[in-house]
Amino acid sequence: MSTSSTSNVIHNKIRTDAYFRLALEAHMQGDFAKAIFFYKKSIDRQPSAEAHTFLGWAYSLLNKLEMAIQHCQKATEIDPEFGNAWNDIGAYYIKLGKFNEAIPYLERATRCEKYDAPHYPHFNLSRIYAKKGMLRKTQEELKMALKKDPFYAPAIDALKKLNEEMH
């Protein structure tokens, strides 16, 4: 599925689920407790990968990373092709300093068909490889991120800096 198809999935979810819409509004306003309440209502009504992933995101913003990971794992069970959930698990493991645990989730995210931001897992993998001093792998992942989104500024900046360090 293309990026526009993934966006359509989320937009359809928002249109058809009032609780998800209320959760997203609260989330964007920074009211994470309210967002969590409505994401849970949405899940009670109709479990979805999107609602679990966004619920995980809300938990992560409250620094409840284990809860965030649990909900994203539920999302991957509901829809294994929803890349956002796989990437988010990897990102939360990075925040926890568990780089080796993050890698398989990020690698899986790179192969998902439904994904709004397919450059994110490549960028996140590059962050891990940079921490491990694996400069060639870092460079490869940054190039893949830019192949998927040529205008992603953090990857442009990181690749420029890396290339300067390598030469």
Protein backbone atom coordinates (compact mmCIF):
# COMPACT_ATOMS: atom_id res chain seq x y z
CA MET A 1 0.00 0.00 0.00
CA SER A 2 1.27 3.48 -0.77
CA THR A 3 1.76 6.33 1.68
CA SER A 4 -1.43 7.96 0.42
CA SER A 5 -3.29 4.70 1.06
CA THR A 6 -1.97 4.62 4.63
CA SER A 7 -3.06 8.21 5.12
CA ASN A 8 -6.46 7.23 3.78
CA VAL A 9 -6.68 4.42 6.32
CA ILE A 10 -6.02 6.84 9.19
CA HIS A 11 -8.34 9.48 7.73
CA ASN A 12 -11.11 6.88 7.36
CA LYS A 13 -10.51 5.80 10.97
CA ILE A 14 -10.86 9.42 12.09
CA ARG A 15 -14.05 9.94 10.07
CA THR A 16 -15.73 6.76 11.28
CA ASP A 17 -14.71 6.81 14.93
CA ALA A 18 -15.77 9.79 17.01
CA TYR A 19 -13.76 8.58 20.00
CA PHE A 20 -10.58 8.37 17.91
CA ARG A 21 -11.26 11.88 16.59
CA LEU A 22 -11.72 13.22 20.13
CA ALA A 23 -8.55 11.42 21.25
CA LEU A 24 -6.53 12.88 18.39
CA GLU A 25 -7.83 16.39 19.10
CA ALA A 26 -6.89 16.09 22.79
CA HIS A 27 -3.53 14.61 21.82
CA MET A 28 -2.71 17.50 19.49
CA GLN A 29 -3.69 19.96 22.24
CA GLY A 30 -1.28 18.26 24.65
CA ASP A 31 -4.00 16.83 26.89
CA PHE A 32 -2.58 13.31 26.99
CA ALA A 33 -4.75 12.06 29.85
CA LYS A 34 -7.87 12.97 27.88
CA ALA A 35 -6.37 11.52 24.72
CA ILE A 36 -5.64 8.24 26.51
CA PHE A 37 -9.20 8.12 27.80
CA PHE A 38 -10.66 8.52 24.31
CA TYR A 39 -8.16 6.18 22.60
CA LYS A 40 -9.23 3.51 25.11
CA LYS A 41 -12.90 4.23 24.32
CA SER A 42 -12.11 3.85 20.62
CA ILE A 43 -10.35 0.54 21.27
CA ASP A 44 -13.26 -0.69 23.41
CA ARG A 45 -15.61 0.09 20.55
CA GLN A 46 -13.43 -1.28 17.75
CA PRO A 47 -9.80 -2.32 18.35
CA SER A 48 -7.50 -1.00 15.64
CA ALA A 49 -3.79 -0.79 14.97
CA GLU A 50 -4.09 2.97 14.64
CA ALA A 51 -5.79 3.49 18.00
CA HIS A 52 -3.30 1.24 19.82
CA THR A 53 -0.34 2.96 18.13
CA PHE A 54 -1.60 6.43 18.94
CA LEU A 55 -2.41 5.34 22.50
CA GLY A 56 1.17 4.12 22.74
CA TRP A 57 2.39 7.47 21.46
CA ALA A 58 0.36 9.29 24.14
CA TYR A 59 1.83 7.02 26.83
CA SER A 60 5.34 7.67 25.47
CA LEU A 61 4.83 11.41 25.84
CA LEU A 62 4.07 10.78 29.51
CA ASN A 63 7.31 8.75 29.64
CA LYS A 64 5.39 5.50 30.19
CA LEU A 65 7.46 3.66 27.62
CA GLU A 66 6.62 0.10 28.69
CA MET A 67 2.89 0.88 28.30
CA ALA A 68 3.65 2.50 24.93
CA ILE A 69 5.49 -0.62 23.77
CA GLN A 70 2.66 -2.90 24.92
CA HIS A 71 0.06 -0.99 22.92
CA CYS A 72 2.21 -0.85 19.82
CA GLN A 73 2.75 -4.61 20.10
CA LYS A 74 -1.04 -5.03 20.19
CA ALA A 75 -1.19 -2.86 17.07
CA THR A 76 1.25 -5.18 15.26
CA GLU A 77 -0.94 -8.15 16.17
CA ILE A 78 -4.02 -6.45 14.72
CA ASP A 79 -2.28 -5.24 11.56
CA PRO A 80 1.26 -6.51 10.95
CA GLU A 81 1.63 -4.18 7.94
CA PHE A 82 1.02 -0.96 9.90
CA GLY A 83 4.59 0.32 9.96
CA ASN A 84 4.06 3.12 12.45
CA ALA A 85 3.65 0.63 15.31
CA TRP A 86 6.84 -1.28 14.49
CA ASN A 87 8.88 1.92 14.21
CA ASP A 88 7.43 3.33 17.41
CA ILE A 89 8.41 0.22 19.37
CA GLY A 90 11.95 0.61 18.05
CA ALA A 91 11.98 4.30 18.93
CA TYR A 92 10.79 3.57 22.48
CA TYR A 93 13.52 0.96 22.91
CA ILE A 94 16.04 3.57 21.73
CA LYS A 95 14.73 5.95 24.41
CA LEU A 96 15.22 3.17 26.95
CA GLY A 97 18.81 2.67 25.73
CA LYS A 98 17.96 -0.85 24.52
CA PHE A 99 19.47 -0.53 21.05
CA ASN A 100 19.77 -4.24 20.24
CA GLU A 101 16.10 -4.76 21.15
CA ALA A 102 15.11 -1.89 18.85
CA ILE A 103 16.79 -3.19 15.70
CA PRO A 104 14.40 -6.05 14.75
CA TYR A 105 11.36 -3.77 15.17
CA LEU A 106 12.90 -1.04 13.05
CA GLU A 107 13.97 -3.54 10.40
CA ARG A 108 10.42 -4.90 10.31
CA ALA A 109 9.07 -1.36 9.94
CA THR A 110 11.20 -0.87 6.82
CA ARG A 111 9.30 -3.73 5.15
CA CYS A 112 5.76 -2.64 5.98
CA GLU A 113 3.35 -1.79 3.20
CA LYS A 114 1.21 0.65 5.19
CA TYR A 115 3.30 3.46 6.55
CA ASP A 116 2.94 7.24 6.64
CA ALA A 117 6.64 7.92 7.19
CA PRO A 118 8.74 5.06 5.78
CA HIS A 119 11.94 7.06 6.23
CA TYR A 120 11.67 7.03 10.06
CA PRO A 121 12.85 3.46 10.72
CA HIS A 122 15.88 3.99 8.49
CA PHE A 123 16.73 7.18 10.34
CA ASN A 124 16.22 5.44 13.68
CA LEU A 125 18.47 2.57 12.58
CA SER A 126 21.10 5.11 11.58
CA ARG A 127 20.98 6.55 15.11
CA ILE A 128 21.67 3.11 16.59
CA TYR A 129 24.50 2.33 14.18
CA ALA A 130 26.06 5.74 14.86
CA LYS A 131 26.02 5.02 18.61
CA LYS A 132 27.70 1.67 17.92
CA GLY A 133 30.36 3.32 15.74
CA MET A 134 29.17 1.44 12.65
CA LEU A 135 29.66 4.35 10.25
CA ARG A 136 29.08 2.52 6.94
CA LYS A 137 25.79 1.06 8.18
CA THR A 138 24.85 4.50 9.52
CA GLN A 139 25.52 5.98 6.10
CA GLU A 140 23.51 3.25 4.33
CA GLU A 141 20.48 3.82 6.55
CA LEU A 142 20.64 7.59 6.13
CA LYS A 143 20.76 7.13 2.35
CA MET A 144 17.74 4.81 2.54
CA ALA A 145 15.88 7.39 4.65
CA LEU A 146 16.59 10.03 2.03
CA LYS A 147 15.57 7.70 -0.78
CA LYS A 148 12.14 7.44 0.89
CA ASP A 149 11.97 11.17 1.75
CA PRO A 150 14.59 13.31 0.00
CA PHE A 151 13.59 16.37 2.04
CA TYR A 152 13.87 14.87 5.55
CA ALA A 153 16.11 17.52 7.14
CA PRO A 154 17.41 15.47 10.10
CA ALA A 155 18.70 12.79 7.70
CA ILE A 156 20.19 15.40 5.34
CA ASP A 157 22.02 17.03 8.25
CA ALA A 158 23.17 13.72 9.76
CA LEU A 159 24.48 12.44 6.43
CA LYS A 160 26.34 15.68 5.74
CA LYS A 161 27.95 15.55 9.21
CA LEU A 162 28.79 11.86 8.83
CA ASN A 163 30.34 12.36 5.40
CA GLU A 164 32.52 15.16 6.82
CA GLU A 165 33.63 12.88 9.67
CA MET A 166 34.42 10.01 7.30
CA HIS A 167 36.60 12.13 5.01
